Amino acid sequence: MNVPVVQPWIVLSFCSAIFFIGLAGVLIRRNILIIIMCIELMLNAVNLTLVTYSEILNDLGGEMAVFFVIVVAAVESAIGLSLVIAVFRTLRTVDTDSIQSLRG
């Protein structure tokens, strides 16, 4: 069975586009939930890049690094969402401008 091979530069271009979309979301948006989702998007772009380079170099180090990035992403989501819930219970909003008022 012949599986079509995608050129690595196409995948890497796609990864960079996804990463910069996530970066723009982190820099522009004010909602904490959207910012967390954009960080996850950036981490997924990095995962796809690691897998692509691992395939190019015929090395399993990229796949092992992806495993650790997925673990970090899961921990980041759990801690981030718990912080969002705590902020929402205090301020009744998840807007980043409102969090500025928490400074003591």
C-alpha atoms as a PDB file:
ATOM      1  CA  MET A   1       0.000   0.000   0.000  1.00  0.00           C
ATOM      2  CA  ASN A   2       1.463   3.344  -1.046  1.00  0.00           C
ATOM      3  CA  VAL A   3       1.069   6.094   1.520  1.00  0.00           C
ATOM      4  CA  PRO A   4       1.553   9.611   0.158  1.00  0.00           C
ATOM      5  CA  VAL A   5       4.453  11.411   1.784  1.00  0.00           C
ATOM      6  CA  VAL A   6       3.998  15.048   2.718  1.00  0.00           C
ATOM      7  CA  GLN A   7       7.010  17.269   2.216  1.00  0.00           C
ATOM      8  CA  PRO A   8       8.555  18.370   5.539  1.00  0.00           C
ATOM      9  CA  TRP A   9       8.599  22.054   4.584  1.00  0.00           C
ATOM     10  CA  ILE A  10       4.804  21.961   4.179  1.00  0.00           C
ATOM     11  CA  VAL A  11       4.352  20.512   7.663  1.00  0.00           C
ATOM     12  CA  LEU A  12       6.833  22.960   9.180  1.00  0.00           C
ATOM     13  CA  SER A  13       5.096  25.888   7.479  1.00  0.00           C
ATOM     14  CA  PHE A  14       1.793  24.663   8.899  1.00  0.00           C
ATOM     15  CA  CYS A  15       3.394  24.360  12.359  1.00  0.00           C
ATOM     16  CA  SER A  16       4.750  27.892  12.226  1.00  0.00           C
ATOM     17  CA  ALA A  17       1.355  29.232  11.129  1.00  0.00           C
ATOM     18  CA  ILE A  18      -0.374  27.449  14.020  1.00  0.00           C
ATOM     19  CA  PHE A  19       2.259  28.675  16.464  1.00  0.00           C
ATOM     20  CA  PHE A  20       1.930  32.308  15.391  1.00  0.00           C
ATOM     21  CA  ILE A  21      -1.861  32.133  15.508  1.00  0.00           C
ATOM     22  CA  GLY A  22      -1.540  30.944  19.106  1.00  0.00           C
ATOM     23  CA  LEU A  23       1.010  33.648  19.885  1.00  0.00           C
ATOM     24  CA  ALA A  24      -1.269  36.329  18.458  1.00  0.00           C
ATOM     25  CA  GLY A  25      -4.113  34.976  20.574  1.00  0.00           C
ATOM     26  CA  VAL A  26      -1.998  35.175  23.726  1.00  0.00           C
ATOM     27  CA  LEU A  27      -0.931  38.739  22.970  1.00  0.00           C
ATOM     28  CA  ILE A  28      -4.278  40.108  21.799  1.00  0.00           C
ATOM     29  CA  ARG A  29      -7.011  38.372  23.788  1.00  0.00           C
ATOM     30  CA  ARG A  30      -8.112  39.406  27.273  1.00  0.00           C
ATOM     31  CA  ASN A  31     -10.091  36.328  28.318  1.00  0.00           C
ATOM     32  CA  ILE A  32      -8.033  33.916  30.422  1.00  0.00           C
ATOM     33  CA  LEU A  33      -9.730  30.835  28.959  1.00  0.00           C
ATOM     34  CA  ILE A  34      -8.896  31.931  25.413  1.00  0.00           C
ATOM     35  CA  ILE A  35      -5.300  32.609  26.450  1.00  0.00           C
ATOM     36  CA  ILE A  36      -4.993  29.092  27.896  1.00  0.00           C
ATOM     37  CA  MET A  37      -6.412  27.607  24.681  1.00  0.00           C
ATOM     38  CA  CYS A  38      -3.906  29.624  22.627  1.00  0.00           C
ATOM     39  CA  ILE A  39      -1.046  28.333  24.778  1.00  0.00           C
ATOM     40  CA  GLU A  40      -2.292  24.796  24.124  1.00  0.00           C
ATOM     41  CA  LEU A  41      -2.349  25.587  20.403  1.00  0.00           C
ATOM     42  CA  MET A  42       1.269  26.732  20.603  1.00  0.00           C
ATOM     43  CA  LEU A  43       2.266  23.552  22.446  1.00  0.00           C
ATOM     44  CA  ASN A  44       0.560  21.407  19.805  1.00  0.00           C
ATOM     45  CA  ALA A  45       2.457  23.260  17.070  1.00  0.00           C
ATOM     46  CA  VAL A  46       5.701  22.508  18.883  1.00  0.00           C
ATOM     47  CA  ASN A  47       4.684  18.841  19.204  1.00  0.00           C
ATOM     48  CA  LEU A  48       4.035  18.578  15.486  1.00  0.00           C
ATOM     49  CA  THR A  49       7.384  20.236  14.784  1.00  0.00           C
ATOM     50  CA  LEU A  50       9.195  17.773  17.054  1.00  0.00           C
ATOM     51  CA  VAL A  51       7.518  14.818  15.350  1.00  0.00           C
ATOM     52  CA  THR A  52       8.403  16.202  11.920  1.00  0.00           C
ATOM     53  CA  TYR A  53      12.072  16.666  12.774  1.00  0.00           C
ATOM     54  CA  SER A  54      12.107  13.251  14.412  1.00  0.00           C
ATOM     55  CA  GLU A  55      10.806  11.746  11.178  1.00  0.00           C
ATOM     56  CA  ILE A  56      13.338  13.691   9.082  1.00  0.00           C
ATOM     57  CA  LEU A  57      16.283  12.652  11.262  1.00  0.00           C
ATOM     58  CA  ASN A  58      15.046   9.075  11.901  1.00  0.00           C
ATOM     59  CA  ASP A  59      15.482   9.610  15.635  1.00  0.00           C
ATOM     60  CA  LEU A  60      13.030   8.743  18.404  1.00  0.00           C
ATOM     61  CA  GLY A  61      14.124  11.659  20.586  1.00  0.00           C
ATOM     62  CA  GLY A  62      11.435  13.886  19.095  1.00  0.00           C
ATOM     63  CA  GLU A  63       8.646  11.476  20.002  1.00  0.00           C
ATOM     64  CA  MET A  64       9.989  11.166  23.550  1.00  0.00           C
ATOM     65  CA  ALA A  65      10.080  14.952  23.861  1.00  0.00           C
ATOM     66  CA  VAL A  66       6.475  15.103  22.614  1.00  0.00           C
ATOM     67  CA  PHE A  67       5.436  12.837  25.469  1.00  0.00           C
ATOM     68  CA  PHE A  68       6.928  15.239  28.000  1.00  0.00           C
ATOM     69  CA  VAL A  69       5.381  18.279  26.297  1.00  0.00           C
ATOM     70  CA  ILE A  70       1.967  16.583  26.460  1.00  0.00           C
ATOM     71  CA  VAL A  71       2.478  15.958  30.186  1.00  0.00           C
ATOM     72  CA  VAL A  72       3.425  19.611  30.729  1.00  0.00           C
ATOM     73  CA  ALA A  73       0.374  20.716  28.709  1.00  0.00           C
ATOM     74  CA  ALA A  74      -1.929  18.571  30.836  1.00  0.00           C
ATOM     75  CA  VAL A  75      -0.488  19.956  34.061  1.00  0.00           C
ATOM     76  CA  GLU A  76      -0.669  23.512  32.707  1.00  0.00           C
ATOM     77  CA  SER A  77      -4.321  23.035  31.813  1.00  0.00           C
ATOM     78  CA  ALA A  78      -5.227  21.630  35.215  1.00  0.00           C
ATOM     79  CA  ILE A  79      -3.448  24.360  37.176  1.00  0.00           C
ATOM     80  CA  GLY A  80      -4.571  27.108  34.795  1.00  0.00           C
ATOM     81  CA  LEU A  81      -8.220  26.096  34.967  1.00  0.00           C
ATOM     82  CA  SER A  82      -8.109  25.879  38.770  1.00  0.00           C
ATOM     83  CA  LEU A  83      -6.673  29.403  38.885  1.00  0.00           C
ATOM     84  CA  VAL A  84      -9.371  30.616  36.493  1.00  0.00           C
ATOM     85  CA  ILE A  85     -12.065  29.122  38.736  1.00  0.00           C
ATOM     86  CA  ALA A  86     -10.532  30.784  41.800  1.00  0.00           C
ATOM     87  CA  VAL A  87     -10.359  34.167  40.055  1.00  0.00           C
ATOM     88  CA  PHE A  88     -13.910  33.798  38.755  1.00  0.00           C
ATOM     89  CA  ARG A  89     -15.235  33.038  42.244  1.00  0.00           C
ATOM     90  CA  THR A  90     -13.529  36.161  43.562  1.00  0.00           C
ATOM     91  CA  LEU A  91     -14.210  38.672  40.769  1.00  0.00           C
ATOM     92  CA  ARG A  92     -17.095  37.121  38.780  1.00  0.00           C
ATOM     93  CA  THR A  93     -15.125  37.677  35.550  1.00  0.00           C
ATOM     94  CA  VAL A  94     -12.210  36.082  33.699  1.00  0.00           C
ATOM     95  CA  ASP A  95     -11.021  39.295  32.023  1.00  0.00           C
ATOM     96  CA  THR A  96      -7.295  39.960  32.443  1.00  0.00           C
ATOM     97  CA  ASP A  97      -7.892  43.669  33.102  1.00  0.00           C
ATOM     98  CA  SER A  98      -9.872  42.755  36.230  1.00  0.00           C
ATOM     99  CA  ILE A  99      -7.001  40.672  37.549  1.00  0.00           C
ATOM    100  CA  GLN A 100      -4.892  43.829  37.770  1.00  0.00           C
ATOM    101  CA  SER A 101      -7.122  44.935  40.652  1.00  0.00           C
ATOM    102  CA  LEU A 102      -5.943  41.975  42.766  1.00  0.00           C
ATOM    103  CA  ARG A 103      -2.592  43.615  43.469  1.00  0.00           C
ATOM    104  CA  GLY A 104      -2.165  44.463  47.106  1.00  0.00           C
END
